C-alpha atoms as a PDB file:
ATOM      1  CA  MET A   1      -0.974  16.210   5.175  1.00  0.00           C
ATOM      2  CA  LYS A   2      -2.440  12.603   6.536  1.00  0.00           C
ATOM      3  CA  LEU A   3      -1.274   9.132   5.598  1.00  0.00           C
ATOM      4  CA  SER A   4      -3.515   5.957   5.739  1.00  0.00           C
ATOM      5  CA  VAL A   5      -1.331   2.992   6.348  1.00  0.00           C
ATOM      6  CA  VAL A   6      -3.296  -0.068   4.946  1.00  0.00           C
ATOM      7  CA  MET A   7      -2.092  -3.081   7.219  1.00  0.00           C
ATOM      8  CA  PRO A   8      -3.712  -6.787   6.064  1.00  0.00           C
ATOM      9  CA  VAL A   9      -3.222  -9.152   9.227  1.00  0.00           C
ATOM     10  CA  TYR A  10      -3.451 -12.880   9.211  1.00  0.00           C
ATOM     11  CA  ASN A  11      -2.132 -14.776  12.194  1.00  0.00           C
ATOM     12  CA  GLU A  12       0.587 -12.278  13.120  1.00  0.00           C
ATOM     13  CA  SER A  13      -0.030 -12.005  17.030  1.00  0.00           C
ATOM     14  CA  ALA A  14       4.107 -12.479  17.106  1.00  0.00           C
ATOM     15  CA  THR A  15       4.783  -9.203  15.497  1.00  0.00           C
ATOM     16  CA  LEU A  16       1.635  -7.103  15.499  1.00  0.00           C
ATOM     17  CA  ARG A  17       2.353  -5.101  18.863  1.00  0.00           C
ATOM     18  CA  THR A  18       6.074  -4.776  17.373  1.00  0.00           C
ATOM     19  CA  ILE A  19       4.852  -3.363  14.053  1.00  0.00           C
ATOM     20  CA  VAL A  20       2.025  -1.322  15.076  1.00  0.00           C
ATOM     21  CA  ALA A  21       4.144   0.526  17.781  1.00  0.00           C
ATOM     22  CA  ARG A  22       6.604   1.091  15.067  1.00  0.00           C
ATOM     23  CA  VAL A  23       3.954   2.692  12.750  1.00  0.00           C
ATOM     24  CA  PHE A  24       2.889   5.024  15.507  1.00  0.00           C
ATOM     25  CA  ASP A  25       6.531   6.137  15.920  1.00  0.00           C
ATOM     26  CA  VAL A  26       6.674   7.816  12.795  1.00  0.00           C
ATOM     27  CA  PRO A  27       6.502  11.274  13.306  1.00  0.00           C
ATOM     28  CA  LEU A  28       3.815  12.057  10.617  1.00  0.00           C
ATOM     29  CA  PRO A  29      -0.242  12.489  10.866  1.00  0.00           C
ATOM     30  CA  ILE A  30      -1.105   8.768  10.555  1.00  0.00           C
ATOM     31  CA  GLU A  31      -4.435   6.570  10.169  1.00  0.00           C
ATOM     32  CA  LEU A  32      -3.561   2.989  10.480  1.00  0.00           C
ATOM     33  CA  LEU A  33      -6.085   0.537   8.940  1.00  0.00           C
ATOM     34  CA  CYS A  34      -5.678  -2.774  10.251  1.00  0.00           C
ATOM     35  CA  VAL A  35      -7.465  -5.117   8.250  1.00  0.00           C
ATOM     36  CA  ASP A  36      -7.469  -8.610   9.949  1.00  0.00           C
ATOM     37  CA  ASP A  37      -8.263 -11.584   7.421  1.00  0.00           C
ATOM     38  CA  GLY A  38      -9.894 -13.961   9.673  1.00  0.00           C
ATOM     39  CA  SER A  39      -6.783 -14.916  12.144  1.00  0.00           C
ATOM     40  CA  LYS A  40      -7.176 -17.742  14.497  1.00  0.00           C
ATOM     41  CA  ASP A  41      -4.298 -16.898  16.518  1.00  0.00           C
ATOM     42  CA  GLY A  42      -5.512 -14.330  18.833  1.00  0.00           C
ATOM     43  CA  SER A  43      -4.623 -11.430  16.337  1.00  0.00           C
ATOM     44  CA  ARG A  44      -7.972 -10.111  16.565  1.00  0.00           C
ATOM     45  CA  GLU A  45      -7.858  -9.953  20.422  1.00  0.00           C
ATOM     46  CA  ILE A  46      -4.380  -8.280  20.346  1.00  0.00           C
ATOM     47  CA  LEU A  47      -5.941  -5.654  17.550  1.00  0.00           C
ATOM     48  CA  ALA A  48      -8.900  -4.793  19.960  1.00  0.00           C
ATOM     49  CA  ASP A  49      -6.754  -4.188  22.634  1.00  0.00           C
ATOM     50  CA  LEU A  50      -4.280  -2.269  20.343  1.00  0.00           C
ATOM     51  CA  ALA A  51      -6.993  -0.038  19.370  1.00  0.00           C
ATOM     52  CA  SER A  52      -8.109   1.183  22.880  1.00  0.00           C
ATOM     53  CA  GLN A  53      -4.310   2.318  23.061  1.00  0.00           C
ATOM     54  CA  TYR A  54      -3.987   4.023  19.628  1.00  0.00           C
ATOM     55  CA  PRO A  55      -6.987   6.135  18.800  1.00  0.00           C
ATOM     56  CA  ALA A  56      -5.784   6.903  15.154  1.00  0.00           C
ATOM     57  CA  LEU A  57      -6.199   2.939  14.862  1.00  0.00           C
ATOM     58  CA  ARG A  58      -8.894   1.767  12.965  1.00  0.00           C
ATOM     59  CA  VAL A  59      -9.556  -2.388  12.993  1.00  0.00           C
ATOM     60  CA  VAL A  60     -11.569  -3.663   9.904  1.00  0.00           C
ATOM     61  CA  LEU A  61     -12.408  -7.467  10.511  1.00  0.00           C
ATOM     62  CA  GLN A  62     -12.978  -9.655   7.255  1.00  0.00           C
ATOM     63  CA  PRO A  63     -16.049 -12.318   7.886  1.00  0.00           C
ATOM     64  CA  HIS A  64     -13.336 -14.830   7.056  1.00  0.00           C
ATOM     65  CA  ASN A  65     -10.064 -15.716   5.189  1.00  0.00           C
ATOM     66  CA  MET A  66     -10.456 -13.935   1.949  1.00  0.00           C
ATOM     67  CA  GLY A  67      -6.822 -13.160   1.199  1.00  0.00           C
ATOM     68  CA  LYS A  68      -4.359 -10.330   1.043  1.00  0.00           C
ATOM     69  CA  GLY A  69      -5.756  -8.817  -1.834  1.00  0.00           C
ATOM     70  CA  ALA A  70      -9.295  -8.490  -0.344  1.00  0.00           C
ATOM     71  CA  ALA A  71      -7.904  -7.074   2.818  1.00  0.00           C
ATOM     72  CA  LEU A  72      -6.222  -4.595   0.613  1.00  0.00           C
ATOM     73  CA  ARG A  73      -9.031  -3.559  -1.225  1.00  0.00           C
ATOM     74  CA  ARG A  74     -11.493  -3.193   1.790  1.00  0.00           C
ATOM     75  CA  GLY A  75      -8.623  -1.151   3.548  1.00  0.00           C
ATOM     76  CA  ILE A  76      -8.012   1.174   0.685  1.00  0.00           C
ATOM     77  CA  GLN A  77     -11.939   1.674   0.232  1.00  0.00           C
ATOM     78  CA  GLU A  78     -11.723   2.903   4.098  1.00  0.00           C
ATOM     79  CA  ALA A  79      -8.926   5.180   3.776  1.00  0.00           C
ATOM     80  CA  THR A  80      -9.534   8.799   4.273  1.00  0.00           C
ATOM     81  CA  GLY A  81      -5.905  10.464   4.385  1.00  0.00           C
ATOM     82  CA  ASP A  82      -4.218  12.125   1.362  1.00  0.00           C
ATOM     83  CA  TYR A  83      -1.765   9.436   0.536  1.00  0.00           C
ATOM     84  CA  VAL A  84      -1.994   5.422   1.103  1.00  0.00           C
ATOM     85  CA  ILE A  85       0.755   3.177   1.643  1.00  0.00           C
ATOM     86  CA  ILE A  86       0.649  -0.520   1.875  1.00  0.00           C
ATOM     87  CA  GLN A  87       2.401  -2.032   5.243  1.00  0.00           C
ATOM     88  CA  ASP A  88       2.782  -5.567   5.972  1.00  0.00           C
ATOM     89  CA  ALA A  89       1.997  -6.949   9.613  1.00  0.00           C
ATOM     90  CA  ASP A  90       5.721  -8.447   9.842  1.00  0.00           C
ATOM     91  CA  LEU A  91       8.906  -6.764  10.538  1.00  0.00           C
ATOM     92  CA  GLU A  92      10.337  -7.072   7.012  1.00  0.00           C
ATOM     93  CA  TYR A  93       9.419  -3.396   6.071  1.00  0.00           C
ATOM     94  CA  ASP A  94      10.792  -0.135   8.065  1.00  0.00           C
ATOM     95  CA  PRO A  95       8.081   2.144   8.842  1.00  0.00           C
ATOM     96  CA  GLN A  96      10.653   4.961   9.437  1.00  0.00           C
ATOM     97  CA  GLU A  97      11.116   4.787   5.499  1.00  0.00           C
ATOM     98  CA  TYR A  98       7.892   6.432   5.081  1.00  0.00           C
ATOM     99  CA  SER A  99       9.285  10.151   4.420  1.00  0.00           C
ATOM    100  CA  LEU A 100      11.423   8.998   1.955  1.00  0.00           C
ATOM    101  CA  LEU A 101       9.027   7.333   0.002  1.00  0.00           C
ATOM    102  CA  LEU A 102       6.570  10.561   0.386  1.00  0.00           C
ATOM    103  CA  GLU A 103       9.177  12.689  -0.879  1.00  0.00           C
ATOM    104  CA  PRO A 104       8.440  12.468  -4.406  1.00  0.00           C
ATOM    105  CA  LEU A 105       4.668  12.797  -3.934  1.00  0.00           C
ATOM    106  CA  LEU A 106       4.996  15.660  -1.813  1.00  0.00           C
ATOM    107  CA  GLN A 107       7.410  17.297  -4.234  1.00  0.00           C
ATOM    108  CA  GLU A 108       4.305  16.711  -7.027  1.00  0.00           C
ATOM    109  CA  LYS A 109       6.706  14.471  -8.988  1.00  0.00           C
ATOM    110  CA  ALA A 110       4.665  11.475  -8.795  1.00  0.00           C
ATOM    111  CA  ASP A 111       1.359   9.666  -8.261  1.00  0.00           C
ATOM    112  CA  VAL A 112       2.696   6.449  -7.335  1.00  0.00           C
ATOM    113  CA  VAL A 113       6.077   5.636  -5.472  1.00  0.00           C
ATOM    114  CA  TYR A 114       7.052   1.860  -5.208  1.00  0.00           C
ATOM    115  CA  GLY A 115      10.066   1.084  -2.356  1.00  0.00           C
ATOM    116  CA  SER A 116      12.536  -0.878  -4.117  1.00  0.00           C
ATOM    117  CA  ARG A 117      14.224  -3.737  -2.318  1.00  0.00           C
ATOM    118  CA  PHE A 118      17.047  -4.227  -4.924  1.00  0.00           C
ATOM    119  CA  MET A 119      18.128  -0.795  -5.373  1.00  0.00           C
ATOM    120  CA  GLY A 120      20.002   1.888  -2.889  1.00  0.00           C
ATOM    121  CA  GLY A 121      22.439   0.725  -0.050  1.00  0.00           C
ATOM    122  CA  ALA A 122      20.258   0.185   2.739  1.00  0.00           C
ATOM    123  CA  PRO A 123      20.864  -2.878   4.836  1.00  0.00           C
ATOM    124  CA  HIS A 124      19.231  -5.939   3.480  1.00  0.00           C
ATOM    125  CA  ARG A 125      18.955  -9.338   5.215  1.00  0.00           C
ATOM    126  CA  VAL A 126      20.680 -12.153   2.957  1.00  0.00           C
ATOM    127  CA  LEU A 127      17.910 -15.083   2.547  1.00  0.00           C
ATOM    128  CA  TYR A 128      16.639 -17.337  -0.244  1.00  0.00           C
ATOM    129  CA  PHE A 129      18.364 -17.012  -3.585  1.00  0.00           C
ATOM    130  CA  TRP A 130      15.857 -18.442  -5.635  1.00  0.00           C
ATOM    131  CA  HIS A 131      12.926 -15.761  -4.353  1.00  0.00           C
ATOM    132  CA  SER A 132      15.233 -13.184  -5.533  1.00  0.00           C
ATOM    133  CA  VAL A 133      15.724 -14.639  -8.659  1.00  0.00           C
ATOM    134  CA  GLY A 134      11.558 -15.354  -9.036  1.00  0.00           C
ATOM    135  CA  ASN A 135      11.035 -11.475  -8.100  1.00  0.00           C
ATOM    136  CA  ARG A 136      13.478 -10.420 -10.592  1.00  0.00           C
ATOM    137  CA  LEU A 137      12.076 -12.661 -13.150  1.00  0.00           C
ATOM    138  CA  LEU A 138       8.062 -11.458 -12.269  1.00  0.00           C
ATOM    139  CA  THR A 139       9.458  -7.920 -12.629  1.00  0.00           C
ATOM    140  CA  LEU A 140      11.251  -8.252 -15.967  1.00  0.00           C
ATOM    141  CA  MET A 141       8.006  -9.669 -17.317  1.00  0.00           C
ATOM    142  CA  SER A 142       5.849  -6.994 -15.681  1.00  0.00           C
ATOM    143  CA  ASN A 143       8.156  -4.364 -17.296  1.00  0.00           C
ATOM    144  CA  CYS A 144       8.203  -5.982 -20.713  1.00  0.00           C
ATOM    145  CA  ILE A 145       4.319  -5.789 -20.364  1.00  0.00           C
ATOM    146  CA  THR A 146       3.812  -2.424 -18.941  1.00  0.00           C
ATOM    147  CA  ASN A 147       6.892  -0.634 -20.734  1.00  0.00           C
ATOM    148  CA  LEU A 148       8.051   0.460 -17.130  1.00  0.00           C
ATOM    149  CA  ASN A 149      11.463   0.170 -15.656  1.00  0.00           C
ATOM    150  CA  LEU A 150      11.107  -1.010 -12.045  1.00  0.00           C
ATOM    151  CA  THR A 151      13.545  -2.829 -10.135  1.00  0.00           C
ATOM    152  CA  ASP A 152      11.008  -4.533  -7.351  1.00  0.00           C
ATOM    153  CA  MET A 153       7.313  -4.992  -9.015  1.00  0.00           C
ATOM    154  CA  GLU A 154       6.588  -7.448  -6.192  1.00  0.00           C
ATOM    155  CA  THR A 155       7.527  -4.762  -3.352  1.00  0.00           C
ATOM    156  CA  CYS A 156       5.208  -4.469  -0.345  1.00  0.00           C
ATOM    157  CA  TYR A 157       5.882  -0.664  -0.106  1.00  0.00           C
ATOM    158  CA  LYS A 158       3.602   1.057  -2.536  1.00  0.00           C
ATOM    159  CA  ILE A 159       2.523   4.413  -1.736  1.00  0.00           C
ATOM    160  CA  PHE A 160      -0.532   6.203  -3.568  1.00  0.00           C
ATOM    161  CA  ARG A 161      -2.331   9.553  -4.037  1.00  0.00           C
ATOM    162  CA  ARG A 162      -5.678   8.429  -2.309  1.00  0.00           C
ATOM    163  CA  GLU A 163      -8.068   9.557  -4.906  1.00  0.00           C
ATOM    164  CA  VAL A 164      -5.930   7.794  -7.218  1.00  0.00           C
ATOM    165  CA  ILE A 165      -5.550   4.333  -5.866  1.00  0.00           C
ATOM    166  CA  GLN A 166      -9.753   4.324  -5.161  1.00  0.00           C
ATOM    167  CA  SER A 167     -10.344   5.104  -8.486  1.00  0.00           C
ATOM    168  CA  ILE A 168      -8.728   1.877  -9.454  1.00  0.00           C
ATOM    169  CA  PRO A 169     -11.044  -1.158  -9.524  1.00  0.00           C
ATOM    170  CA  LEU A 170      -9.163  -3.811  -7.900  1.00  0.00           C
ATOM    171  CA  GLU A 171     -10.355  -7.345  -8.169  1.00  0.00           C
ATOM    172  CA  GLU A 172      -7.454  -9.883  -7.136  1.00  0.00           C
ATOM    173  CA  ASN A 173      -8.051 -11.516  -3.625  1.00  0.00           C
ATOM    174  CA  ARG A 174      -4.762 -13.170  -2.803  1.00  0.00           C
ATOM    175  CA  PHE A 175      -0.945 -12.029  -3.948  1.00  0.00           C
ATOM    176  CA  GLY A 176      -2.374 -10.984  -7.512  1.00  0.00           C
ATOM    177  CA  PHE A 177      -2.435  -7.499  -6.204  1.00  0.00           C
ATOM    178  CA  GLU A 178       1.183  -6.239  -7.047  1.00  0.00           C
ATOM    179  CA  PRO A 179       1.012  -7.351 -10.634  1.00  0.00           C
ATOM    180  CA  GLU A 180      -2.880  -6.135 -10.964  1.00  0.00           C
ATOM    181  CA  VAL A 181      -1.959  -2.928  -9.472  1.00  0.00           C
ATOM    182  CA  THR A 182       1.229  -2.438 -11.451  1.00  0.00           C
ATOM    183  CA  VAL A 183      -0.533  -3.226 -14.741  1.00  0.00           C
ATOM    184  CA  LYS A 184      -3.286  -0.708 -14.090  1.00  0.00           C
ATOM    185  CA  ILE A 185      -1.159   2.097 -13.060  1.00  0.00           C
ATOM    186  CA  ALA A 186       1.043   1.738 -16.065  1.00  0.00           C
ATOM    187  CA  LYS A 187      -2.277   1.708 -18.455  1.00  0.00           C
ATOM    188  CA  LEU A 188      -3.164   4.686 -16.551  1.00  0.00           C
ATOM    189  CA  HIS A 189       0.007   6.471 -17.720  1.00  0.00           C
ATOM    190  CA  LEU A 190       0.541   7.519 -13.905  1.00  0.00           C
ATOM    191  CA  ARG A 191       3.849   9.406 -12.865  1.00  0.00           C
ATOM    192  CA  VAL A 192       5.914   6.157 -10.930  1.00  0.00           C
ATOM    193  CA  TYR A 193       9.039   6.499  -9.017  1.00  0.00           C
ATOM    194  CA  GLU A 194      11.058   4.301  -7.024  1.00  0.00           C
ATOM    195  CA  VAL A 195      12.934   4.453  -4.035  1.00  0.00           C
ATOM    196  CA  GLY A 196      15.574   2.374  -2.493  1.00  0.00           C
ATOM    197  CA  ILE A 197      14.531   0.837   0.678  1.00  0.00           C
ATOM    198  CA  SER A 198      15.831  -1.606   3.205  1.00  0.00           C
ATOM    199  CA  TYR A 199      14.672  -5.144   4.115  1.00  0.00           C
ATOM    200  CA  SER A 200      14.347  -7.461   6.923  1.00  0.00           C
ATOM    201  CA  GLY A 201      13.016 -10.693   4.951  1.00  0.00           C
ATOM    202  CA  ARG A 202      11.490 -13.431   7.463  1.00  0.00           C
ATOM    203  CA  THR A 203      11.941 -17.181   6.741  1.00  0.00           C
ATOM    204  CA  TYR A 204       9.127 -19.634   6.330  1.00  0.00           C
ATOM    205  CA  GLU A 205       9.632 -20.836  10.085  1.00  0.00           C
ATOM    206  CA  GLU A 206       9.452 -17.222  11.051  1.00  0.00           C
ATOM    207  CA  GLY A 207       6.103 -16.797   9.206  1.00  0.00           C
ATOM    208  CA  LYS A 208       6.172 -16.153   5.530  1.00  0.00           C
ATOM    209  CA  LYS A 209       3.680 -16.832   3.539  1.00  0.00           C
ATOM    210  CA  ILE A 210       4.118 -16.453  -0.135  1.00  0.00           C
ATOM    211  CA  GLY A 211       4.926 -19.621  -2.033  1.00  0.00           C
ATOM    212  CA  TRP A 212       5.461 -20.599  -5.748  1.00  0.00           C
ATOM    213  CA  LYS A 213       2.031 -20.898  -6.626  1.00  0.00           C
ATOM    214  CA  ASP A 214       1.761 -17.040  -5.899  1.00  0.00           C
ATOM    215  CA  GLY A 215       4.441 -16.986  -8.473  1.00  0.00           C
ATOM    216  CA  PHE A 216       2.407 -18.607 -11.196  1.00  0.00           C
ATOM    217  CA  ARG A 217      -0.540 -16.460 -10.400  1.00  0.00           C
ATOM    218  CA  ALA A 218       1.473 -13.314 -10.581  1.00  0.00           C
ATOM    219  CA  ILE A 219       2.303 -14.494 -14.153  1.00  0.00           C
ATOM    220  CA  TRP A 220      -1.434 -15.330 -14.986  1.00  0.00           C
ATOM    221  CA  CYS A 221      -2.256 -11.643 -13.500  1.00  0.00           C
ATOM    222  CA  LEU A 222       0.302  -9.893 -15.603  1.00  0.00           C
ATOM    223  CA  ALA A 223      -1.358 -11.532 -18.870  1.00  0.00           C
ATOM    224  CA  LYS A 224      -4.908 -11.208 -17.689  1.00  0.00           C
ATOM    225  CA  TYR A 225      -4.645  -7.411 -16.821  1.00  0.00           C
ATOM    226  CA  SER A 226      -2.518  -6.662 -19.699  1.00  0.00           C
ATOM    227  CA  LEU A 227      -5.110  -7.623 -22.215  1.00  0.00           C
ATOM    228  CA  ARG A 228      -7.806  -5.346 -20.467  1.00  0.00           C
ATOM    229  CA  LYS A 229      -8.944  -2.207 -22.140  1.00  0.00           C
ATOM    230  CA  ALA A 230      -7.594   0.976 -20.394  1.00  0.00           C
ATOM    231  CA  PRO A 231      -9.902   2.529 -18.151  1.00  0.00           C
ATOM    232  CA  ALA A 232     -12.207   4.857 -19.907  1.00  0.00           C
ATOM    233  CA  ARG A 233     -11.728   7.892 -17.488  1.00  0.00           C
ATOM    234  CA  PRO A 234      -8.177   9.154 -17.558  1.00  0.00           C
ATOM    235  CA  VAL A 235      -6.136   9.765 -14.528  1.00  0.00           C
ATOM    236  CA  THR A 236      -5.962  13.284 -15.469  1.00  0.00           C
ATOM    237  CA  GLU A 237      -9.531  13.697 -15.258  1.00  0.00           C
ATOM    238  CA  VAL A 238      -9.721  11.916 -11.896  1.00  0.00           C
ATOM    239  CA  LEU A 239      -6.771  13.776 -10.376  1.00  0.00           C
ATOM    240  CA  ALA A 240      -8.412  17.259 -11.615  1.00  0.00           C
ATOM    241  CA  SER A 241     -11.821  16.188  -9.908  1.00  0.00           C
ATOM    242  CA  ALA A 242      -9.935  15.427  -7.011  1.00  0.00           C
ATOM    243  CA  GLY A 243      -8.440  18.818  -6.859  1.00  0.00           C
ATOM    244  CA  GLU A 244     -11.289  20.580  -7.646  1.00  0.00           C
ATOM    245  CA  LYS A 245     -13.094  19.006  -4.737  1.00  0.00           C
ATOM    246  CA  LEU A 246     -10.105  19.675  -2.298  1.00  0.00           C
ATOM    247  CA  ARG A 247     -10.256  23.231  -3.413  1.00  0.00           C
ATOM    248  CA  CYS A 248     -14.002  23.438  -2.726  1.00  0.00           C
ATOM    249  CA  GLU A 249     -13.482  21.864   0.778  1.00  0.00           C
ATOM    250  CA  ASP A 250     -10.619  24.676   1.796  1.00  0.00           C
ATOM    251  CA  ALA A 251     -12.972  27.344   0.511  1.00  0.00           C
ATOM    252  CA  HIS A 252     -15.680  26.071   2.695  1.00  0.00           C
ATOM    253  CA  GLN A 253     -13.635  25.894   5.732  1.00  0.00           C
ATOM    254  CA  GLU A 254     -12.134  29.143   5.319  1.00  0.00           C
ATOM    255  CA  ALA A 255     -15.946  30.561   4.943  1.00  0.00           C
ATOM    256  CA  VAL A 256     -17.172  28.727   8.287  1.00  0.00           C
ATOM    257  CA  SER A 257     -13.953  30.251   9.727  1.00  0.00           C
ATOM    258  CA  ALA A 258     -14.619  33.798   8.879  1.00  0.00           C
ATOM    259  CA  SER A 259     -18.264  33.826   9.850  1.00  0.00           C
ATOM    260  CA  SER A 260     -17.441  32.147  13.117  1.00  0.00           C
ATOM    261  CA  SER A 261     -14.549  34.968  13.872  1.00  0.00           C
ATOM    262  CA  GLY A 262     -16.704  37.826  12.380  1.00  0.00           C
ATOM    263  CA  PRO A 263     -18.864  40.329  14.306  1.00  0.00           C
ATOM    264  CA  ARG A 264     -21.806  39.162  16.469  1.00  0.00           C
END
């Protein structure tokens, strides 16, 4: 089992070394894809240095600032692991909780797992009241549209089976990724689980980027993608195709191993 961690990076020089070290401190086979989105604060140079320290770190450079959604789309396309998780480049989310998020997937109960900041008893930094109200309102609107009962649609921590997320055509370039992917996985009738996580939010002075305009964009995305037709190819077909591919790869590997160990 290999986990692909997709990390969009934009002007995160203050936290980049720390978060990359925390990701590789997780006792799992990890591929980290850092997608730099046109940083101008030295983040690209830091990533080049980190890539020489960590063989499992792959750096992808966007030609210019294209937005978080565009960076995620690029990283997801490049992922090769069995599962794909989204990780911000700040220190708000704790990579030590990857195992918690993976559990429903490894138990074959889920296709997608959301890490909720609004459930469970893990520590949460107390910050902006109106941000929490906005998050809950967006989640309520999302639930009304998708008929899911999520508690945190806007969470960063979303983990997917790789073949599932790579089969979903993603379009949003900024922070509209969250509502877009939520509507699209609901239309695919995927098995969605939520797991309570900790949250150490940061202030705008500390580098927080999302604003009220992104909230209105999220509402637009919920309406826009809810009116789209469901994908023509059912997710069961996607999963069956991926399963058959994996079985063929395993059979090929066994045949190669048998031939190499046989009589000469």
